[in-house]
Amino acid sequence: MPIPLHWDDVGERRLLGPELVQHTRDKVLLIKQRLQAAQDGHKRWADRGRRALKFLEENFIFLKVSPSKDITRFGRHSKLNPHYIGPFEVLARIGKVAYKLALPPELSGVHNVFHVSLLRRYIPDPSHVVPHEPLQLSKDLTYEEAPLRIIDRKEQILRRRTIPYIKVQWTNHTERKATRELEEKMR
């Protein structure tokens, strides 16, 4: 049984024949206009956060990599510390939102076509380059973080017990980005 487009009051039907068809068309047109207005509003809000990036061939760009999702440093996420490697040369544009990059031989296991959201424009400056040699990337552009060395030890004294902490420097990070971890969890 089809769903009625318009509910009438209880009683006898007033619309018959061509009037019913015209009334139904008007209601469908009104629904379509309201749906289109809602979609336009959603698109406007979504487009506010978007940035249109276009790279030319032979430009250089950075590629975003992130730590493995299943390997977290004891509940600490490095959301505020994004990592980019490169710069890499753009070989070609694939469609509207993907680019083919010239990757070095160390990254031969990684597919060389990336979505524009993983790329950042490179402004030539030697201080911006993060060397990609020490990073051991997997095929899904993730890497494992492991403790490199212990920098400091500290104990937090509570009423009935003492909690030992250690300051750990992680691989692929500087000493400034060392974190404090529970000593028992690092064993």
N, C-alpha and C. Protein backbone atom coordinates (compact mmCIF):
# COMPACT_ATOMS: atom_id res chain seq x y z
N MET A 1 0.84 -1.17 0.00
CA MET A 1 0.00 0.00 0.00
C MET A 1 0.89 1.24 0.00
N PRO A 2 0.68 2.14 -0.94
CA PRO A 2 1.53 3.33 -1.01
C PRO A 2 1.28 4.27 0.16
N ILE A 3 2.32 5.01 0.53
CA ILE A 3 2.21 5.98 1.61
C ILE A 3 1.53 7.22 1.08
N PRO A 4 0.49 7.71 1.78
CA PRO A 4 -0.21 8.90 1.28
C PRO A 4 0.68 10.14 1.41
N LEU A 5 0.59 11.02 0.42
CA LEU A 5 1.37 12.25 0.43
C LEU A 5 0.68 13.36 1.19
N HIS A 6 -0.61 13.23 1.39
CA HIS A 6 -1.36 14.29 2.06
C HIS A 6 -2.47 13.64 2.87
N TRP A 7 -2.61 14.05 4.12
CA TRP A 7 -3.65 13.52 4.98
C TRP A 7 -4.84 14.49 4.98
N ASP A 8 -6.00 13.94 4.74
CA ASP A 8 -7.23 14.74 4.78
C ASP A 8 -7.94 14.51 6.10
N ASP A 9 -8.89 15.39 6.38
CA ASP A 9 -9.72 15.21 7.57
C ASP A 9 -10.63 14.01 7.35
N VAL A 10 -11.08 13.46 8.47
CA VAL A 10 -11.99 12.33 8.38
C VAL A 10 -13.29 12.82 7.79
N GLY A 11 -13.78 12.08 6.86
CA GLY A 11 -15.02 12.47 6.20
C GLY A 11 -14.94 12.08 4.74
N GLU A 12 -15.67 12.79 3.94
CA GLU A 12 -15.66 12.43 2.52
C GLU A 12 -14.48 13.09 1.81
N ARG A 13 -14.05 12.46 0.75
CA ARG A 13 -12.92 12.98 -0.01
C ARG A 13 -13.37 14.12 -0.87
N ARG A 14 -12.53 15.14 -0.90
CA ARG A 14 -12.88 16.32 -1.68
C ARG A 14 -12.14 16.37 -3.01
N LEU A 15 -10.94 15.75 -3.06
CA LEU A 15 -10.14 15.81 -4.28
C LEU A 15 -10.32 14.54 -5.09
N LEU A 16 -10.70 14.70 -6.31
CA LEU A 16 -10.86 13.56 -7.20
C LEU A 16 -10.32 13.94 -8.57
N GLY A 17 -9.81 12.96 -9.27
CA GLY A 17 -9.38 13.16 -10.65
C GLY A 17 -8.17 14.06 -10.79
N PRO A 18 -8.22 15.00 -11.76
CA PRO A 18 -7.06 15.85 -12.05
C PRO A 18 -6.66 16.75 -10.88
N GLU A 19 -7.64 17.14 -10.03
CA GLU A 19 -7.29 17.97 -8.89
C GLU A 19 -6.37 17.23 -7.93
N LEU A 20 -6.61 15.93 -7.71
CA LEU A 20 -5.77 15.11 -6.83
C LEU A 20 -4.36 15.00 -7.39
N VAL A 21 -4.24 14.80 -8.70
CA VAL A 21 -2.92 14.69 -9.33
C VAL A 21 -2.16 16.01 -9.19
N GLN A 22 -2.84 17.13 -9.45
CA GLN A 22 -2.18 18.44 -9.34
C GLN A 22 -1.77 18.72 -7.90
N HIS A 23 -2.62 18.39 -6.95
CA HIS A 23 -2.32 18.61 -5.54
C HIS A 23 -1.10 17.77 -5.12
N THR A 24 -1.04 16.52 -5.59
CA THR A 24 0.09 15.64 -5.28
C THR A 24 1.37 16.18 -5.90
N ARG A 25 1.31 16.66 -7.13
CA ARG A 25 2.50 17.25 -7.78
C ARG A 25 3.01 18.46 -7.00
N ASP A 26 2.10 19.30 -6.55
CA ASP A 26 2.50 20.47 -5.78
C ASP A 26 3.21 20.07 -4.48
N LYS A 27 2.66 19.05 -3.80
CA LYS A 27 3.28 18.59 -2.55
C LYS A 27 4.67 17.99 -2.81
N VAL A 28 4.80 17.20 -3.86
CA VAL A 28 6.10 16.60 -4.21
C VAL A 28 7.10 17.70 -4.56
N LEU A 29 6.68 18.70 -5.31
CA LEU A 29 7.56 19.82 -5.67
C LEU A 29 8.01 20.58 -4.41
N LEU A 30 7.10 20.80 -3.47
CA LEU A 30 7.44 21.48 -2.22
C LEU A 30 8.46 20.66 -1.42
N ILE A 31 8.26 19.35 -1.36
CA ILE A 31 9.20 18.48 -0.64
C ILE A 31 10.57 18.52 -1.30
N LYS A 32 10.63 18.47 -2.63
CA LYS A 32 11.90 18.53 -3.34
C LYS A 32 12.63 19.84 -3.08
N GLN A 33 11.88 20.95 -3.07
CA GLN A 33 12.51 22.25 -2.81
C GLN A 33 13.09 22.31 -1.40
N ARG A 34 12.37 21.79 -0.42
CA ARG A 34 12.86 21.81 0.96
C ARG A 34 14.08 20.90 1.13
N LEU A 35 14.06 19.74 0.47
CA LEU A 35 15.23 18.85 0.53
C LEU A 35 16.45 19.51 -0.10
N GLN A 36 16.25 20.17 -1.24
CA GLN A 36 17.35 20.85 -1.92
C GLN A 36 17.91 21.97 -1.06
N ALA A 37 17.03 22.72 -0.38
CA ALA A 37 17.49 23.80 0.50
C ALA A 37 18.32 23.23 1.66
N ALA A 38 17.89 22.10 2.22
CA ALA A 38 18.64 21.48 3.32
C ALA A 38 20.00 20.98 2.83
N GLN A 39 20.03 20.35 1.64
CA GLN A 39 21.30 19.87 1.09
C GLN A 39 22.25 21.02 0.80
N ASP A 40 21.72 22.12 0.29
CA ASP A 40 22.57 23.29 0.02
C ASP A 40 23.17 23.84 1.31
N GLY A 41 22.38 23.86 2.37
CA GLY A 41 22.89 24.32 3.66
C GLY A 41 24.00 23.42 4.18
N HIS A 42 23.81 22.10 4.09
CA HIS A 42 24.84 21.16 4.52
C HIS A 42 26.11 21.32 3.70
N LYS A 43 25.95 21.52 2.40
CA LYS A 43 27.12 21.68 1.52
C LYS A 43 27.87 22.96 1.86
N ARG A 44 27.13 24.02 2.15
CA ARG A 44 27.77 25.28 2.52
C ARG A 44 28.63 25.12 3.78
N TRP A 45 28.09 24.43 4.79
CA TRP A 45 28.84 24.22 6.02
C TRP A 45 30.04 23.30 5.79
N ALA A 46 29.87 22.27 4.97
CA ALA A 46 30.99 21.36 4.71
C ALA A 46 32.09 22.05 3.92
N ASP A 47 31.72 22.92 2.99
CA ASP A 47 32.71 23.61 2.17
C ASP A 47 33.49 24.66 2.94
N ARG A 48 32.95 25.13 4.06
CA ARG A 48 33.68 26.12 4.85
C ARG A 48 35.00 25.55 5.37
N GLY A 49 35.01 24.28 5.74
CA GLY A 49 36.22 23.66 6.29
C GLY A 49 37.14 23.09 5.23
N ARG A 50 36.71 23.07 4.01
CA ARG A 50 37.52 22.51 2.93
C ARG A 50 38.48 23.53 2.38
N ARG A 51 39.59 23.04 1.92
CA ARG A 51 40.53 23.92 1.23
C ARG A 51 40.85 23.28 -0.10
N ALA A 52 40.78 24.05 -1.12
CA ALA A 52 41.04 23.54 -2.46
C ALA A 52 42.54 23.55 -2.71
N LEU A 53 43.14 22.38 -2.74
CA LEU A 53 44.57 22.27 -2.99
C LEU A 53 44.79 21.75 -4.40
N LYS A 54 45.61 22.43 -5.13
CA LYS A 54 46.00 21.96 -6.45
C LYS A 54 47.51 22.09 -6.55
N PHE A 55 48.14 21.02 -6.95
CA PHE A 55 49.59 21.01 -7.11
C PHE A 55 49.91 20.83 -8.59
N LEU A 56 50.92 21.51 -9.03
CA LEU A 56 51.38 21.36 -10.41
C LEU A 56 52.39 20.23 -10.48
N GLU A 57 52.54 19.67 -11.67
CA GLU A 57 53.58 18.66 -11.86
C GLU A 57 54.93 19.32 -11.63
N GLU A 58 55.85 18.57 -11.07
CA GLU A 58 57.20 19.01 -10.72
C GLU A 58 57.22 19.91 -9.48
N ASN A 59 56.07 20.13 -8.81
CA ASN A 59 56.08 20.78 -7.50
C ASN A 59 56.58 19.78 -6.47
N PHE A 60 57.01 20.28 -5.33
CA PHE A 60 57.42 19.40 -4.24
C PHE A 60 56.43 19.56 -3.09
N ILE A 61 56.10 18.42 -2.44
CA ILE A 61 55.11 18.42 -1.37
C ILE A 61 55.56 17.51 -0.24
N PHE A 62 54.97 17.71 0.94
CA PHE A 62 55.18 16.83 2.08
C PHE A 62 54.07 15.79 2.11
N LEU A 63 54.39 14.60 2.65
CA LEU A 63 53.44 13.51 2.77
C LEU A 63 53.21 13.23 4.25
N LYS A 64 51.95 13.14 4.66
CA LYS A 64 51.62 12.92 6.07
C LYS A 64 51.70 11.44 6.41
N VAL A 65 52.37 11.14 7.51
CA VAL A 65 52.41 9.77 8.05
C VAL A 65 52.02 9.86 9.51
N SER A 66 51.54 8.74 10.08
CA SER A 66 51.09 8.76 11.47
C SER A 66 51.47 7.45 12.14
N PRO A 67 51.53 7.45 13.48
CA PRO A 67 51.82 6.19 14.19
C PRO A 67 50.71 5.18 13.97
N SER A 68 51.03 3.90 14.14
CA SER A 68 50.04 2.84 13.99
C SER A 68 48.89 3.06 14.95
N LYS A 69 47.68 2.78 14.51
CA LYS A 69 46.52 2.99 15.36
C LYS A 69 46.47 1.97 16.50
N ASP A 70 46.99 0.77 16.27
CA ASP A 70 46.92 -0.24 17.31
C ASP A 70 48.07 -0.13 18.30
N ILE A 71 49.05 0.69 18.03
CA ILE A 71 50.18 0.87 18.93
C ILE A 71 50.11 2.28 19.50
N THR A 72 49.67 2.38 20.72
CA THR A 72 49.65 3.68 21.37
C THR A 72 50.65 3.65 22.51
N ARG A 73 51.17 4.79 22.83
CA ARG A 73 52.15 4.86 23.91
C ARG A 73 51.42 4.93 25.23
N PHE A 74 50.88 3.83 25.68
CA PHE A 74 50.24 3.72 26.97
C PHE A 74 49.16 4.77 27.15
N GLY A 75 48.28 4.87 26.19
CA GLY A 75 47.16 5.79 26.29
C GLY A 75 47.46 7.19 25.82
N ARG A 76 48.67 7.48 25.43
CA ARG A 76 49.00 8.82 24.96
C ARG A 76 48.98 8.83 23.45
N HIS A 77 48.26 9.78 22.89
CA HIS A 77 48.18 9.92 21.45
C HIS A 77 48.91 11.19 21.05
N SER A 78 49.58 11.13 19.94
CA SER A 78 50.32 12.32 19.48
C SER A 78 49.49 13.08 18.46
N LYS A 79 48.27 13.43 18.84
CA LYS A 79 47.39 14.14 17.92
C LYS A 79 47.91 15.53 17.59
N LEU A 80 48.61 16.13 18.54
CA LEU A 80 49.11 17.47 18.31
C LEU A 80 50.46 17.48 17.63
N ASN A 81 51.02 16.32 17.35
CA ASN A 81 52.33 16.24 16.72
C ASN A 81 52.24 15.51 15.38
N PRO A 82 51.66 16.13 14.35
CA PRO A 82 51.60 15.44 13.06
C PRO A 82 53.00 15.32 12.46
N HIS A 83 53.21 14.26 11.71
CA HIS A 83 54.51 14.00 11.10
C HIS A 83 54.37 14.04 9.59
N TYR A 84 55.26 14.73 8.96
CA TYR A 84 55.31 14.80 7.51
C TYR A 84 56.70 14.39 7.06
N ILE A 85 56.76 13.68 5.96
CA ILE A 85 58.06 13.33 5.39
C ILE A 85 58.14 13.91 4.00
N GLY A 86 59.34 14.03 3.52
CA GLY A 86 59.50 14.56 2.17
C GLY A 86 60.55 15.63 2.15
N PRO A 87 60.60 16.43 1.17
CA PRO A 87 59.62 16.66 0.11
C PRO A 87 59.75 15.65 -1.03
N PHE A 88 58.63 15.41 -1.70
CA PHE A 88 58.58 14.52 -2.84
C PHE A 88 58.05 15.28 -4.04
N GLU A 89 58.48 14.87 -5.21
CA GLU A 89 58.06 15.53 -6.44
C GLU A 89 56.72 14.98 -6.91
N VAL A 90 55.85 15.87 -7.38
CA VAL A 90 54.57 15.46 -7.95
C VAL A 90 54.81 15.05 -9.40
N LEU A 91 54.43 13.81 -9.73
CA LEU A 91 54.60 13.33 -11.11
C LEU A 91 53.38 13.63 -11.96
N ALA A 92 52.19 13.40 -11.40
CA ALA A 92 50.96 13.61 -12.19
C ALA A 92 49.77 13.75 -11.26
N ARG A 93 48.73 14.38 -11.80
CA ARG A 93 47.46 14.48 -11.08
C ARG A 93 46.57 13.35 -11.57
N ILE A 94 45.98 12.61 -10.64
CA ILE A 94 45.10 11.49 -10.97
C ILE A 94 43.69 11.90 -10.54
N GLY A 95 42.84 12.19 -11.49
CA GLY A 95 41.48 12.62 -11.16
C GLY A 95 41.49 14.01 -10.53
N LYS A 96 40.49 14.28 -9.69
CA LYS A 96 40.38 15.60 -9.07
C LYS A 96 41.07 15.69 -7.72
N VAL A 97 41.22 14.56 -7.01
CA VAL A 97 41.70 14.63 -5.64
C VAL A 97 42.89 13.73 -5.32
N ALA A 98 43.59 13.21 -6.31
CA ALA A 98 44.72 12.32 -6.05
C ALA A 98 45.93 12.75 -6.87
N TYR A 99 47.11 12.46 -6.31
CA TYR A 99 48.36 12.81 -6.98
C TYR A 99 49.32 11.64 -6.92
N LYS A 100 50.09 11.48 -7.99
CA LYS A 100 51.12 10.45 -8.06
C LYS A 100 52.45 11.11 -7.71
N LEU A 101 53.20 10.50 -6.76
CA LEU A 101 54.44 11.08 -6.28
C LEU A 101 55.64 10.24 -6.67
N ALA A 102 56.79 10.88 -6.75
CA ALA A 102 58.06 10.18 -6.99
C ALA A 102 58.64 9.83 -5.63
N LEU A 103 58.44 8.58 -5.20
CA LEU A 103 58.92 8.14 -3.90
C LEU A 103 60.32 7.55 -4.01
N PRO A 104 61.13 7.64 -2.96
CA PRO A 104 62.47 7.06 -2.99
C PRO A 104 62.41 5.54 -2.90
N PRO A 105 63.52 4.85 -3.17
CA PRO A 105 63.53 3.38 -3.13
C PRO A 105 63.17 2.80 -1.76
N GLU A 106 63.43 3.54 -0.66
CA GLU A 106 63.10 3.02 0.67
C GLU A 106 61.59 2.84 0.84
N LEU A 107 60.80 3.60 0.08
CA LEU A 107 59.34 3.52 0.17
C LEU A 107 58.75 2.77 -1.02
N SER A 108 59.50 1.83 -1.57
CA SER A 108 59.02 1.11 -2.75
C SER A 108 57.82 0.23 -2.44
N GLY A 109 57.62 -0.16 -1.18
CA GLY A 109 56.47 -0.99 -0.81
C GLY A 109 55.19 -0.20 -0.65
N VAL A 110 55.26 1.12 -0.73
CA VAL A 110 54.09 1.99 -0.56
C VAL A 110 53.58 2.40 -1.93
N HIS A 111 52.26 2.33 -2.12
CA HIS A 111 51.68 2.78 -3.39
C HIS A 111 51.91 4.27 -3.54
N ASN A 112 52.23 4.73 -4.74
CA ASN A 112 52.67 6.12 -4.93
C ASN A 112 51.56 7.09 -5.30
N VAL A 113 50.29 6.73 -5.15
CA VAL A 113 49.18 7.64 -5.42
C VAL A 113 48.50 7.96 -4.08
N PHE A 114 48.35 9.27 -3.78
CA PHE A 114 47.83 9.69 -2.48
C PHE A 114 46.71 10.70 -2.65
N HIS A 115 45.76 10.66 -1.71
CA HIS A 115 44.67 11.63 -1.68
C HIS A 115 45.23 12.98 -1.26
N VAL A 116 44.60 14.05 -1.72
CA VAL A 116 45.08 15.40 -1.46
C VAL A 116 45.07 15.73 0.04
N SER A 117 44.25 15.05 0.83
CA SER A 117 44.20 15.32 2.27
C SER A 117 45.47 14.88 2.98
N LEU A 118 46.28 14.00 2.37
CA LEU A 118 47.53 13.55 2.97
C LEU A 118 48.72 14.39 2.54
N LEU A 119 48.50 15.42 1.75
CA LEU A 119 49.60 16.20 1.19
C LEU A 119 49.59 17.62 1.74
N ARG A 120 50.79 18.20 1.83
CA ARG A 120 50.95 19.59 2.24
C ARG A 120 51.94 20.25 1.30
N ARG A 121 51.67 21.50 0.99
CA ARG A 121 52.54 22.25 0.09
C ARG A 121 53.92 22.44 0.72
N TYR A 122 54.96 22.30 -0.08
CA TYR A 122 56.33 22.48 0.39
C TYR A 122 56.84 23.84 -0.03
N ILE A 123 57.25 24.62 0.94
CA ILE A 123 57.89 25.91 0.67
C ILE A 123 59.38 25.67 0.85
N PRO A 124 60.18 25.85 -0.18
CA PRO A 124 61.60 25.50 -0.09
C PRO A 124 62.32 26.21 1.06
N ASP A 125 62.67 25.43 2.08
CA ASP A 125 63.43 25.92 3.22
C ASP A 125 64.08 24.69 3.86
N PRO A 126 65.40 24.63 3.96
CA PRO A 126 66.07 23.43 4.48
C PRO A 126 65.68 23.08 5.92
N SER A 127 65.26 24.05 6.71
CA SER A 127 64.90 23.74 8.10
C SER A 127 63.56 23.01 8.21
N HIS A 128 62.76 23.01 7.17
CA HIS A 128 61.46 22.34 7.21
C HIS A 128 61.54 20.85 6.90
N VAL A 129 62.63 20.40 6.36
CA VAL A 129 62.73 19.02 5.89
C VAL A 129 62.96 18.09 7.07
N VAL A 130 62.09 17.09 7.20
CA VAL A 130 62.26 16.04 8.19
C VAL A 130 62.81 14.84 7.45
N PRO A 131 63.97 14.33 7.82
CA PRO A 131 64.54 13.20 7.08
C PRO A 131 63.65 11.96 7.21
N HIS A 132 63.45 11.27 6.12
CA HIS A 132 62.58 10.10 6.14
C HIS A 132 63.35 8.79 6.24
N GLU A 133 64.67 8.83 6.24
CA GLU A 133 65.45 7.59 6.30
C GLU A 133 65.23 6.81 7.60
N PRO A 134 65.22 7.45 8.79
CA PRO A 134 65.09 6.64 10.00
C PRO A 134 63.69 6.06 10.21
N LEU A 135 62.68 6.58 9.54
CA LEU A 135 61.33 6.05 9.70
C LEU A 135 61.18 4.75 8.91
N GLN A 136 60.74 3.71 9.59
CA GLN A 136 60.44 2.45 8.93
C GLN A 136 58.93 2.38 8.72
N LEU A 137 58.49 2.81 7.55
CA LEU A 137 57.05 2.88 7.28
C LEU A 137 56.53 1.54 6.81
N SER A 138 55.32 1.21 7.24
CA SER A 138 54.66 0.02 6.71
C SER A 138 53.88 0.42 5.46
N LYS A 139 53.22 -0.53 4.85
CA LYS A 139 52.54 -0.25 3.59
C LYS A 139 51.35 0.69 3.75
N ASP A 140 50.80 0.79 4.95
CA ASP A 140 49.67 1.71 5.17
C ASP A 140 50.12 3.04 5.77
N LEU A 141 51.39 3.41 5.56
CA LEU A 141 51.97 4.68 5.99
C LEU A 141 51.90 4.90 7.50
N THR A 142 52.13 3.85 8.27
CA THR A 142 52.21 3.97 9.71
C THR A 142 53.59 3.50 10.16
N TYR A 143 53.97 3.87 11.34
CA TYR A 143 55.24 3.42 11.89
C TYR A 143 55.07 3.11 13.36
N GLU A 144 55.96 2.28 13.88
CA GLU A 144 55.89 1.91 15.28
C GLU A 144 56.79 2.82 16.09
N GLU A 145 56.28 3.24 17.23
CA GLU A 145 57.09 4.02 18.15
C GLU A 145 57.58 3.10 19.26
N ALA A 146 58.88 3.17 19.52
CA ALA A 146 59.47 2.35 20.57
C ALA A 146 60.32 3.26 21.46
N PRO A 147 60.48 2.89 22.73
CA PRO A 147 61.32 3.71 23.60
C PRO A 147 62.78 3.64 23.16
N LEU A 148 63.43 4.79 23.10
CA LEU A 148 64.83 4.86 22.68
C LEU A 148 65.75 4.85 23.89
N ARG A 149 65.46 5.71 24.87
CA ARG A 149 66.28 5.74 26.08
C ARG A 149 65.49 6.39 27.21
N ILE A 150 65.95 6.11 28.43
CA ILE A 150 65.35 6.70 29.62
C ILE A 150 66.17 7.93 29.99
N ILE A 151 65.50 9.07 30.09
CA ILE A 151 66.19 10.32 30.36
C ILE A 151 66.24 10.63 31.85
N ASP A 152 65.15 10.34 32.57
CA ASP A 152 65.05 10.76 33.96
C ASP A 152 64.14 9.80 34.72
N ARG A 153 64.34 9.73 36.03
CA ARG A 153 63.47 8.97 36.92
C ARG A 153 62.91 9.91 37.98
N LYS A 154 61.64 9.68 38.35
CA LYS A 154 61.01 10.53 39.36
C LYS A 154 59.97 9.69 40.09
N GLU A 155 59.78 9.98 41.36
CA GLU A 155 58.78 9.26 42.14
C GLU A 155 57.75 10.25 42.67
N GLN A 156 56.48 9.86 42.52
CA GLN A 156 55.40 10.66 43.07
C GLN A 156 54.98 10.01 44.39
N ILE A 157 55.06 10.76 45.46
CA ILE A 157 54.77 10.22 46.78
C ILE A 157 53.32 10.55 47.14
N LEU A 158 52.56 9.49 47.39
CA LEU A 158 51.18 9.62 47.84
C LEU A 158 51.12 9.32 49.34
N ARG A 159 49.96 9.24 49.92
CA ARG A 159 49.86 8.98 51.36
C ARG A 159 50.39 7.61 51.75
N ARG A 160 49.99 6.60 50.99
CA ARG A 160 50.33 5.23 51.39
C ARG A 160 51.28 4.52 50.44
N ARG A 161 51.60 5.14 49.33
CA ARG A 161 52.50 4.45 48.40
C ARG A 161 53.26 5.47 47.56
N THR A 162 54.24 4.95 46.85
CA THR A 162 55.09 5.76 45.99
C THR A 162 54.96 5.23 44.57
N ILE A 163 54.75 6.13 43.60
CA ILE A 163 54.60 5.72 42.20
C ILE A 163 55.85 6.16 41.44
N PRO A 164 56.62 5.20 40.91
CA PRO A 164 57.82 5.57 40.14
C PRO A 164 57.48 5.89 38.68
N TYR A 165 57.98 7.02 38.20
CA TYR A 165 57.81 7.43 36.81
C TYR A 165 59.18 7.51 36.15
N ILE A 166 59.20 7.33 34.84
CA ILE A 166 60.42 7.54 34.07
C ILE A 166 60.10 8.45 32.90
N LYS A 167 61.08 9.23 32.49
CA LYS A 167 60.93 10.10 31.33
C LYS A 167 61.59 9.38 30.16
N VAL A 168 60.81 9.11 29.10
CA VAL A 168 61.25 8.28 27.99
C VAL A 168 61.35 9.10 26.71
N GLN A 169 62.47 8.94 26.02
CA GLN A 169 62.59 9.51 24.68
C GLN A 169 62.23 8.41 23.69
N TRP A 170 61.34 8.72 22.77
CA TRP A 170 60.84 7.74 21.80
C TRP A 170 61.61 7.84 20.50
N THR A 171 61.62 6.75 19.75
CA THR A 171 62.26 6.77 18.44
C THR A 171 61.53 7.76 17.55
N ASN A 172 62.23 8.36 16.64
CA ASN A 172 61.71 9.34 15.69
C ASN A 172 61.24 10.63 16.35
N HIS A 173 61.63 10.88 17.62
CA HIS A 173 61.27 12.11 18.32
C HIS A 173 62.50 12.69 18.98
N THR A 174 62.47 13.98 19.21
CA THR A 174 63.57 14.65 19.89
C THR A 174 63.42 14.50 21.40
N GLU A 175 64.44 14.92 22.13
CA GLU A 175 64.40 14.83 23.59
C GLU A 175 63.34 15.77 24.17
N ARG A 176 63.04 16.85 23.48
CA ARG A 176 62.01 17.79 23.94
C ARG A 176 60.62 17.15 23.98
N LYS A 177 60.39 16.15 23.14
CA LYS A 177 59.08 15.52 23.08
C LYS A 177 59.02 14.23 23.90
N ALA A 178 59.93 14.10 24.87
CA ALA A 178 59.92 12.93 25.75
C ALA A 178 58.69 12.99 26.65
N THR A 179 58.21 11.82 27.06
CA THR A 179 57.00 11.74 27.88
C THR A 179 57.29 11.01 29.18
N ARG A 180 56.48 11.29 30.18
CA ARG A 180 56.59 10.57 31.46
C ARG A 180 55.65 9.38 31.41
N GLU A 181 56.19 8.22 31.76
CA GLU A 181 55.42 6.98 31.75
C GLU A 181 55.60 6.27 33.09
N LEU A 182 54.64 5.41 33.43
CA LEU A 182 54.77 4.59 34.63
C LEU A 182 55.88 3.58 34.40
N GLU A 183 56.75 3.43 35.39
CA GLU A 183 57.89 2.53 35.24
C GLU A 183 57.45 1.08 35.08
N GLU A 184 56.41 0.67 35.79
CA GLU A 184 55.96 -0.72 35.72
C GLU A 184 55.36 -1.06 34.35
N LYS A 185 54.80 -0.09 33.65
CA LYS A 185 54.23 -0.36 32.33
C LYS A 185 55.30 -0.40 31.24
N MET A 186 56.47 0.14 31.52
CA MET A 186 57.53 0.17 30.52
C MET A 186 58.38 -1.10 30.55
N ARG A 187 58.16 -1.98 31.51
CA ARG A 187 58.97 -3.20 31.60
C ARG A 187 58.50 -4.23 30.63
